Amino acid sequence: WASFEEARLAMAERGPLVEGRDGNLVKNPAAQ
């Protein structure tokens, strides 16, 4: 539950897509 809540907050803050190492948008790892 604590991991879920932390990831949920990260998703809320950054959204479902984040910048990858190449500068492209990638799926937020918090979703997994």
Full PDB file with SEQRES, HELIX, SHEET, SSBOND, CRYST1, ORIGX, SCALE, CONECT and MASTER records, all heavy atoms in Angstrom:
SEQRES   1 A   32  TRP ALA SER PHE GLU GLU ALA ARG LEU ALA MET ALA GLU          
SEQRES   2 A   32  ARG GLY PRO LEU VAL GLU GLY ARG ASP GLY ASN LEU VAL          
SEQRES   3 A   32  LYS ASN PRO ALA ALA GLN                                      
HELIX    1 AA1 ALA A    2  ARG A   14  1                                  13    
HELIX    2 AA2 PRO A   29  ALA A   31  5                                   3    
SHEET    1 AA1 2 LEU A  17  GLU A  19  0                                        
SHEET    2 AA1 2 LEU A  25  LYS A  27 -1                                        
CRYST1    1.000    1.000    1.000  90.00  90.00  90.00 P 1           1          
ORIGX1      1.000000  0.000000  0.000000        0.00000                         
ORIGX2      0.000000  1.000000  0.000000        0.00000                         
ORIGX3      0.000000  0.000000  1.000000        0.00000                         
SCALE1      1.000000  0.000000  0.000000        0.00000                         
SCALE2      0.000000  1.000000  0.000000        0.00000                         
SCALE3      0.000000  0.000000  1.000000        0.00000                         
ATOM      1  N   TRP A   1       0.837  -1.205   0.000  1.00  0.00           N  
ATOM      2  CA  TRP A   1       0.000   0.000   0.000  1.00  0.00           C  
ATOM      3  C   TRP A   1       0.874   1.257   0.000  1.00  0.00           C  
ATOM      4  O   TRP A   1       0.614   2.197  -0.749  1.00  0.00           O  
ATOM      5  CB  TRP A   1      -0.952   0.033   1.192  1.00  0.00           C  
ATOM      6  CG  TRP A   1      -1.513   1.399   1.393  1.00  0.00           C  
ATOM      7  CD1 TRP A   1      -1.181   2.284   2.376  1.00  0.00           C  
ATOM      8  CD2 TRP A   1      -2.440   2.089   0.549  1.00  0.00           C  
ATOM      9  NE1 TRP A   1      -1.863   3.468   2.204  1.00  0.00           N  
ATOM     10  CE2 TRP A   1      -2.644   3.375   1.079  1.00  0.00           C  
ATOM     11  CE3 TRP A   1      -3.115   1.740  -0.616  1.00  0.00           C  
ATOM     12  CZ2 TRP A   1      -3.491   4.308   0.490  1.00  0.00           C  
ATOM     13  CZ3 TRP A   1      -3.957   2.672  -1.190  1.00  0.00           C  
ATOM     14  CH2 TRP A   1      -4.141   3.927  -0.632  1.00  0.00           C  
ATOM     15  N   ALA A   2       1.915   1.282   0.816  1.00  0.00           N  
ATOM     16  CA  ALA A   2       2.793   2.459   0.884  1.00  0.00           C  
ATOM     17  C   ALA A   2       3.482   2.694  -0.463  1.00  0.00           C  
ATOM     18  O   ALA A   2       3.579   3.837  -0.918  1.00  0.00           O  
ATOM     19  CB  ALA A   2       3.823   2.286   2.002  1.00  0.00           C  
ATOM     20  N   SER A   3       3.936   1.620  -1.119  1.00  0.00           N  
ATOM     21  CA  SER A   3       4.556   1.763  -2.440  1.00  0.00           C  
ATOM     22  C   SER A   3       3.551   2.269  -3.456  1.00  0.00           C  
ATOM     23  O   SER A   3       3.858   3.133  -4.285  1.00  0.00           O  
ATOM     24  CB  SER A   3       5.114   0.424  -2.916  1.00  0.00           C  
ATOM     25  OG  SER A   3       6.181   0.021  -2.107  1.00  0.00           O  
ATOM     26  N   PHE A   4       2.351   1.733  -3.416  1.00  0.00           N  
ATOM     27  CA  PHE A   4       1.290   2.175  -4.324  1.00  0.00           C  
ATOM     28  C   PHE A   4       1.016   3.662  -4.148  1.00  0.00           C  
ATOM     29  O   PHE A   4       0.946   4.411  -5.119  1.00  0.00           O  
ATOM     30  CB  PHE A   4       0.010   1.370  -4.075  1.00  0.00           C  
ATOM     31  CG  PHE A   4      -1.135   1.789  -4.941  1.00  0.00           C  
ATOM     32  CD1 PHE A   4      -1.322   1.214  -6.183  1.00  0.00           C  
ATOM     33  CD2 PHE A   4      -2.035   2.761  -4.518  1.00  0.00           C  
ATOM     34  CE1 PHE A   4      -2.376   1.606  -6.996  1.00  0.00           C  
ATOM     35  CE2 PHE A   4      -3.087   3.162  -5.324  1.00  0.00           C  
ATOM     36  CZ  PHE A   4      -3.259   2.577  -6.568  1.00  0.00           C  
ATOM     37  N   GLU A   5       0.879   4.088  -2.913  1.00  0.00           N  
ATOM     38  CA  GLU A   5       0.557   5.497  -2.641  1.00  0.00           C  
ATOM     39  C   GLU A   5       1.687   6.425  -3.081  1.00  0.00           C  
ATOM     40  O   GLU A   5       1.441   7.489  -3.653  1.00  0.00           O  
ATOM     41  CB  GLU A   5       0.240   5.678  -1.155  1.00  0.00           C  
ATOM     42  CG  GLU A   5      -0.162   7.067  -0.765  1.00  0.00           C  
ATOM     43  CD  GLU A   5      -1.447   7.572  -1.427  1.00  0.00           C  
ATOM     44  OE1 GLU A   5      -2.156   6.790  -2.091  1.00  0.00           O  
ATOM     45  OE2 GLU A   5      -1.729   8.776  -1.284  1.00  0.00           O  
ATOM     46  N   GLU A   6       2.924   6.020  -2.846  1.00  0.00           N  
ATOM     47  CA  GLU A   6       4.061   6.838  -3.282  1.00  0.00           C  
ATOM     48  C   GLU A   6       4.093   6.955  -4.809  1.00  0.00           C  
ATOM     49  O   GLU A   6       4.298   8.042  -5.364  1.00  0.00           O  
ATOM     50  CB  GLU A   6       5.366   6.233  -2.769  1.00  0.00           C  
ATOM     51  CG  GLU A   6       6.580   7.087  -3.050  1.00  0.00           C  
ATOM     52  CD  GLU A   6       7.854   6.512  -2.443  1.00  0.00           C  
ATOM     53  OE1 GLU A   6       7.777   5.728  -1.484  1.00  0.00           O  
ATOM     54  OE2 GLU A   6       8.933   6.861  -2.947  1.00  0.00           O  
ATOM     55  N   ALA A   7       3.864   5.836  -5.496  1.00  0.00           N  
ATOM     56  CA  ALA A   7       3.836   5.858  -6.961  1.00  0.00           C  
ATOM     57  C   ALA A   7       2.643   6.664  -7.476  1.00  0.00           C  
ATOM     58  O   ALA A   7       2.752   7.388  -8.464  1.00  0.00           O  
ATOM     59  CB  ALA A   7       3.792   4.431  -7.500  1.00  0.00           C  
ATOM     60  N   ARG A   8       1.507   6.559  -6.795  1.00  0.00           N  
ATOM     61  CA  ARG A   8       0.325   7.329  -7.192  1.00  0.00           C  
ATOM     62  C   ARG A   8       0.592   8.820  -7.114  1.00  0.00           C  
ATOM     63  O   ARG A   8       0.246   9.585  -8.016  1.00  0.00           O  
ATOM     64  CB  ARG A   8      -0.867   6.956  -6.315  1.00  0.00           C  
ATOM     65  CG  ARG A   8      -2.192   7.574  -6.777  1.00  0.00           C  
ATOM     66  CD  ARG A   8      -3.272   7.382  -5.740  1.00  0.00           C  
ATOM     67  NE  ARG A   8      -3.017   8.143  -4.537  1.00  0.00           N  
ATOM     68  CZ  ARG A   8      -3.224   9.463  -4.421  1.00  0.00           C  
ATOM     69  NH1 ARG A   8      -3.663  10.170  -5.438  1.00  0.00           N  
ATOM     70  NH2 ARG A   8      -2.977  10.081  -3.282  1.00  0.00           N  
ATOM     71  N   LEU A   9       1.251   9.240  -6.057  1.00  0.00           N  
ATOM     72  CA  LEU A   9       1.589  10.657  -5.909  1.00  0.00           C  
ATOM     73  C   LEU A   9       2.576  11.094  -6.987  1.00  0.00           C  
ATOM     74  O   LEU A   9       2.471  12.211  -7.524  1.00  0.00           O  
ATOM     75  CB  LEU A   9       2.140  10.928  -4.513  1.00  0.00           C  
ATOM     76  CG  LEU A   9       1.131  10.780  -3.367  1.00  0.00           C  
ATOM     77  CD1 LEU A   9       1.836  10.876  -2.020  1.00  0.00           C  
ATOM     78  CD2 LEU A   9       0.012  11.792  -3.483  1.00  0.00           C  
ATOM     79  N   ALA A  10       3.544  10.236  -7.334  1.00  0.00           N  
ATOM     80  CA  ALA A  10       4.498  10.561  -8.398  1.00  0.00           C  
ATOM     81  C   ALA A  10       3.776  10.692  -9.739  1.00  0.00           C  
ATOM     82  O   ALA A  10       4.084  11.589 -10.539  1.00  0.00           O  
ATOM     83  CB  ALA A  10       5.595   9.497  -8.479  1.00  0.00           C  
ATOM     84  N   MET A  11       2.813   9.815  -9.981  1.00  0.00           N  
ATOM     85  CA  MET A  11       2.026   9.906 -11.219  1.00  0.00           C  
ATOM     86  C   MET A  11       1.205  11.196 -11.237  1.00  0.00           C  
ATOM     87  O   MET A  11       1.106  11.858 -12.275  1.00  0.00           O  
ATOM     88  CB  MET A  11       1.087   8.701 -11.349  1.00  0.00           C  
ATOM     89  CG  MET A  11       1.769   7.422 -11.708  1.00  0.00           C  
ATOM     90  SD  MET A  11       2.194   7.323 -13.442  1.00  0.00           S  
ATOM     91  CE  MET A  11       0.585   7.155 -14.164  1.00  0.00           C  
ATOM     92  N   ALA A  12       0.641  11.556 -10.103  1.00  0.00           N  
ATOM     93  CA  ALA A  12      -0.161  12.780 -10.036  1.00  0.00           C  
ATOM     94  C   ALA A  12       0.713  14.008 -10.283  1.00  0.00           C  
ATOM     95  O   ALA A  12       0.288  14.969 -10.917  1.00  0.00           O  
ATOM     96  CB  ALA A  12      -0.859  12.879  -8.684  1.00  0.00           C  
ATOM     97  N   GLU A  13       1.945  13.964  -9.790  1.00  0.00           N  
ATOM     98  CA  GLU A  13       2.848  15.104  -9.938  1.00  0.00           C  
ATOM     99  C   GLU A  13       3.422  15.208 -11.351  1.00  0.00           C  
ATOM    100  O   GLU A  13       3.495  16.299 -11.923  1.00  0.00           O  
ATOM    101  CB  GLU A  13       3.996  14.976  -8.925  1.00  0.00           C  
ATOM    102  CG  GLU A  13       4.999  16.110  -8.983  1.00  0.00           C  
ATOM    103  CD  GLU A  13       6.132  15.907  -7.997  1.00  0.00           C  
ATOM    104  OE1 GLU A  13       5.876  15.420  -6.881  1.00  0.00           O  
ATOM    105  OE2 GLU A  13       7.280  16.229  -8.363  1.00  0.00           O  
ATOM    106  N   ARG A  14       3.833  14.084 -11.932  1.00  0.00           N  
ATOM    107  CA  ARG A  14       4.541  14.124 -13.207  1.00  0.00           C  
ATOM    108  C   ARG A  14       3.711  13.679 -14.402  1.00  0.00           C  
ATOM    109  O   ARG A  14       4.117  13.883 -15.536  1.00  0.00           O  
ATOM    110  CB  ARG A  14       5.796  13.255 -13.112  1.00  0.00           C  
ATOM    111  CG  ARG A  14       6.783  13.809 -12.096  1.00  0.00           C  
ATOM    112  CD  ARG A  14       8.043  12.963 -12.044  1.00  0.00           C  
ATOM    113  NE  ARG A  14       8.850  13.363 -10.913  1.00  0.00           N  
ATOM    114  CZ  ARG A  14       8.849  12.754  -9.736  1.00  0.00           C  
ATOM    115  NH1 ARG A  14       8.087  11.714  -9.530  1.00  0.00           N  
ATOM    116  NH2 ARG A  14       9.626  13.174  -8.762  1.00  0.00           N  
ATOM    117  N   GLY A  15       2.585  13.008 -14.143  1.00  0.00           N  
ATOM    118  CA  GLY A  15       1.741  12.531 -15.232  1.00  0.00           C  
ATOM    119  C   GLY A  15       2.162  11.169 -15.737  1.00  0.00           C  
ATOM    120  O   GLY A  15       3.173  10.608 -15.299  1.00  0.00           O  
ATOM    121  N   PRO A  16       1.413  10.620 -16.692  1.00  0.00           N  
ATOM    122  CA  PRO A  16       1.699   9.269 -17.174  1.00  0.00           C  
ATOM    123  C   PRO A  16       2.915   9.187 -18.098  1.00  0.00           C  
ATOM    124  O   PRO A  16       3.443   8.104 -18.311  1.00  0.00           O  
ATOM    125  CB  PRO A  16       0.423   8.892 -17.930  1.00  0.00           C  
ATOM    126  CG  PRO A  16      -0.176  10.192 -18.331  1.00  0.00           C  
ATOM    127  CD  PRO A  16       0.195  11.175 -17.258  1.00  0.00           C  
ATOM    128  N   LEU A  17       3.359  10.321 -18.651  1.00  0.00           N  
ATOM    129  CA  LEU A  17       4.537  10.327 -19.518  1.00  0.00           C  
ATOM    130  C   LEU A  17       5.609  11.227 -18.924  1.00  0.00           C  
ATOM    131  O   LEU A  17       5.309  12.298 -18.402  1.00  0.00           O  
ATOM    132  CB  LEU A  17       4.172  10.832 -20.922  1.00  0.00           C  
ATOM    133  CG  LEU A  17       3.154   9.991 -21.693  1.00  0.00           C  
ATOM    134  CD1 LEU A  17       2.786  10.676 -23.000  1.00  0.00           C  
ATOM    135  CD2 LEU A  17       3.681   8.582 -21.945  1.00  0.00           C  
ATOM    136  N   VAL A  18       6.842  10.763 -18.981  1.00  0.00           N  
ATOM    137  CA  VAL A  18       7.980  11.546 -18.479  1.00  0.00           C  
ATOM    138  C   VAL A  18       9.070  11.537 -19.540  1.00  0.00           C  
ATOM    139  O   VAL A  18       9.057  10.713 -20.456  1.00  0.00           O  
ATOM    140  CB  VAL A  18       8.524  10.980 -17.140  1.00  0.00           C  
ATOM    141  CG1 VAL A  18       7.498  11.099 -16.028  1.00  0.00           C  
ATOM    142  CG2 VAL A  18       8.979   9.543 -17.300  1.00  0.00           C  
ATOM    143  N   GLU A  19       9.999  12.431 -19.397  1.00  0.00           N  
ATOM    144  CA  GLU A  19      11.098  12.509 -20.357  1.00  0.00           C  
ATOM    145  C   GLU A  19      12.076  11.372 -20.097  1.00  0.00           C  
ATOM    146  O   GLU A  19      12.547  11.150 -18.982  1.00  0.00           O  
ATOM    147  CB  GLU A  19      11.815  13.858 -20.224  1.00  0.00           C  
ATOM    148  CG  GLU A  19      12.837  14.102 -21.303  1.00  0.00           C  
ATOM    149  CD  GLU A  19      13.432  15.493 -21.222  1.00  0.00           C  
ATOM    150  OE1 GLU A  19      12.689  16.446 -20.919  1.00  0.00           O  
ATOM    151  OE2 GLU A  19      14.651  15.609 -21.453  1.00  0.00           O  
ATOM    152  N   GLY A  20      12.395  10.621 -21.156  1.00  0.00           N  
ATOM    153  CA  GLY A  20      13.358   9.526 -21.064  1.00  0.00           C  
ATOM    154  C   GLY A  20      14.780  10.040 -21.200  1.00  0.00           C  
ATOM    155  O   GLY A  20      15.018  11.236 -21.391  1.00  0.00           O  
ATOM    156  N   ARG A  21      15.754   9.141 -21.164  1.00  0.00           N  
ATOM    157  CA  ARG A  21      17.162   9.557 -21.219  1.00  0.00           C  
ATOM    158  C   ARG A  21      17.541  10.174 -22.564  1.00  0.00           C  
ATOM    159  O   ARG A  21      18.483  10.925 -22.652  1.00  0.00           O  
ATOM    160  CB  ARG A  21      18.084   8.411 -20.849  1.00  0.00           C  
ATOM    161  CG  ARG A  21      18.222   7.335 -21.894  1.00  0.00           C  
ATOM    162  CD  ARG A  21      19.178   6.279 -21.427  1.00  0.00           C  
ATOM    163  NE  ARG A  21      18.383   5.264 -20.743  1.00  0.00           N  
ATOM    164  CZ  ARG A  21      18.537   3.979 -20.917  1.00  0.00           C  
ATOM    165  NH1 ARG A  21      19.487   3.527 -21.679  1.00  0.00           N  
ATOM    166  NH2 ARG A  21      17.768   3.123 -20.306  1.00  0.00           N  
ATOM    167  N   ASP A  22      16.786   9.842 -23.613  1.00  0.00           N  
ATOM    168  CA  ASP A  22      17.057  10.414 -24.932  1.00  0.00           C  
ATOM    169  C   ASP A  22      16.233  11.672 -25.192  1.00  0.00           C  
ATOM    170  O   ASP A  22      16.270  12.213 -26.295  1.00  0.00           O  
ATOM    171  CB  ASP A  22      16.761   9.395 -26.033  1.00  0.00           C  
ATOM    172  CG  ASP A  22      17.665   8.175 -25.942  1.00  0.00           C  
ATOM    173  OD1 ASP A  22      18.797   8.326 -25.457  1.00  0.00           O  
ATOM    174  OD2 ASP A  22      17.235   7.083 -26.355  1.00  0.00           O  
ATOM    175  N   GLY A  23      15.491  12.119 -24.198  1.00  0.00           N  
ATOM    176  CA  GLY A  23      14.665  13.305 -24.366  1.00  0.00           C  
ATOM    177  C   GLY A  23      13.277  13.015 -24.918  1.00  0.00           C  
ATOM    178  O   GLY A  23      12.448  13.907 -25.009  1.00  0.00           O  
ATOM    179  N   ASN A  24      13.012  11.771 -25.291  1.00  0.00           N  
ATOM    180  CA  ASN A  24      11.689  11.384 -25.766  1.00  0.00           C  
ATOM    181  C   ASN A  24      10.762  11.133 -24.589  1.00  0.00           C  
ATOM    182  O   ASN A  24      11.214  10.817 -23.483  1.00  0.00           O  
ATOM    183  CB  ASN A  24      11.761  10.101 -26.605  1.00  0.00           C  
ATOM    184  CG  ASN A  24      12.597  10.275 -27.842  1.00  0.00           C  
ATOM    185  OD1 ASN A  24      12.701  11.383 -28.369  1.00  0.00           O  
ATOM    186  ND2 ASN A  24      13.201   9.195 -28.298  1.00  0.00           N  
ATOM    187  N   LEU A  25       9.463  11.230 -24.812  1.00  0.00           N  
ATOM    188  CA  LEU A  25       8.502  10.896 -23.773  1.00  0.00           C  
ATOM    189  C   LEU A  25       8.384   9.379 -23.662  1.00  0.00           C  
ATOM    190  O   LEU A  25       8.288   8.673 -24.663  1.00  0.00           O  
ATOM    191  CB  LEU A  25       7.140  11.511 -24.091  1.00  0.00           C  
ATOM    192  CG  LEU A  25       7.056  13.023 -23.964  1.00  0.00           C  
ATOM    193  CD1 LEU A  25       5.666  13.509 -24.345  1.00  0.00           C  
ATOM    194  CD2 LEU A  25       7.420  13.489 -22.564  1.00  0.00           C  
ATOM    195  N   VAL A  26       8.405   8.906 -22.424  1.00  0.00           N  
ATOM    196  CA  VAL A  26       8.252   7.478 -22.131  1.00  0.00           C  
ATOM    197  C   VAL A  26       7.224   7.311 -21.027  1.00  0.00           C  
ATOM    198  O   VAL A  26       6.890   8.261 -20.311  1.00  0.00           O  
ATOM    199  CB  VAL A  26       9.597   6.827 -21.705  1.00  0.00           C  
ATOM    200  CG1 VAL A  26      10.621   6.895 -22.824  1.00  0.00           C  
ATOM    201  CG2 VAL A  26      10.133   7.464 -20.445  1.00  0.00           C  
ATOM    202  N   LYS A  27       6.735   6.093 -20.886  1.00  0.00           N  
ATOM    203  CA  LYS A  27       5.774   5.806 -19.819  1.00  0.00           C  
ATOM    204  C   LYS A  27       6.440   6.025 -18.460  1.00  0.00           C  
ATOM    205  O   LYS A  27       7.572   5.593 -18.234  1.00  0.00           O  
ATOM    206  CB  LYS A  27       5.279   4.375 -19.949  1.00  0.00           C  
ATOM    207  CG  LYS A  27       4.222   3.990 -18.945  1.00  0.00           C  
ATOM    208  CD  LYS A  27       3.593   2.642 -19.243  1.00  0.00           C  
ATOM    209  CE  LYS A  27       4.562   1.530 -18.998  1.00  0.00           C  
ATOM    210  NZ  LYS A  27       3.957   0.204 -19.096  1.00  0.00           N  
ATOM    211  N   ASN A  28       5.743   6.706 -17.575  1.00  0.00           N  
ATOM    212  CA  ASN A  28       6.244   6.961 -16.226  1.00  0.00           C  
ATOM    213  C   ASN A  28       6.459   5.618 -15.515  1.00  0.00           C  
ATOM    214  O   ASN A  28       5.532   4.815 -15.428  1.00  0.00           O  
ATOM    215  CB  ASN A  28       5.228   7.824 -15.471  1.00  0.00           C  
ATOM    216  CG  ASN A  28       5.750   8.330 -14.153  1.00  0.00           C  
ATOM    217  OD1 ASN A  28       6.609   7.724 -13.535  1.00  0.00           O  
ATOM    218  ND2 ASN A  28       5.208   9.451 -13.708  1.00  0.00           N  
ATOM    219  N   PRO A  29       7.673   5.336 -15.007  1.00  0.00           N  
ATOM    220  CA  PRO A  29       7.923   4.079 -14.291  1.00  0.00           C  
ATOM    221  C   PRO A  29       7.016   3.897 -13.071  1.00  0.00           C  
ATOM    222  O   PRO A  29       6.788   2.767 -12.636  1.00  0.00           O  
ATOM    223  CB  PRO A  29       9.387   4.178 -13.858  1.00  0.00           C  
ATOM    224  CG  PRO A  29       9.988   5.237 -14.707  1.00  0.00           C  
ATOM    225  CD  PRO A  29       8.881   6.160 -15.112  1.00  0.00           C  
ATOM    226  N   ALA A  30       6.479   4.980 -12.563  1.00  0.00           N  
ATOM    227  CA  ALA A  30       5.574   4.875 -11.419  1.00  0.00           C  
ATOM    228  C   ALA A  30       4.326   4.072 -11.770  1.00  0.00           C  
ATOM    229  O   ALA A  30       3.723   3.442 -10.899  1.00  0.00           O  
ATOM    230  CB  ALA A  30       5.194   6.260 -10.912  1.00  0.00           C  
ATOM    231  N   ALA A  31       3.940   4.058 -13.051  1.00  0.00           N  
ATOM    232  CA  ALA A  31       2.767   3.279 -13.461  1.00  0.00           C  
ATOM    233  C   ALA A  31       2.998   1.789 -13.197  1.00  0.00           C  
ATOM    234  O   ALA A  31       2.091   1.091 -12.723  1.00  0.00           O  
ATOM    235  CB  ALA A  31       2.457   3.523 -14.935  1.00  0.00           C  
ATOM    236  N   GLN A  32       4.188   1.294 -13.479  1.00  0.00           N  
ATOM    237  CA  GLN A  32       4.493  -0.120 -13.231  1.00  0.00           C  
ATOM    238  C   GLN A  32       4.558  -0.407 -11.735  1.00  0.00           C  
ATOM    239  O   GLN A  32       4.103  -1.458 -11.279  1.00  0.00           O  
ATOM    240  CB  GLN A  32       5.808  -0.531 -13.905  1.00  0.00           C  
ATOM    241  CG  GLN A  32       6.139  -2.003 -13.765  1.00  0.00           C  
ATOM    242  CD  GLN A  32       5.128  -2.886 -14.476  1.00  0.00           C  
ATOM    243  OE1 GLN A  32       4.772  -2.623 -15.612  1.00  0.00           O  
ATOM    244  NE2 GLN A  32       4.660  -3.927 -13.814  1.00  0.00           N  
TER     245      GLN A  32                                                      
MASTER        0    0    0    2    2    0    0    6  244    1    0    3          
END                                                                             
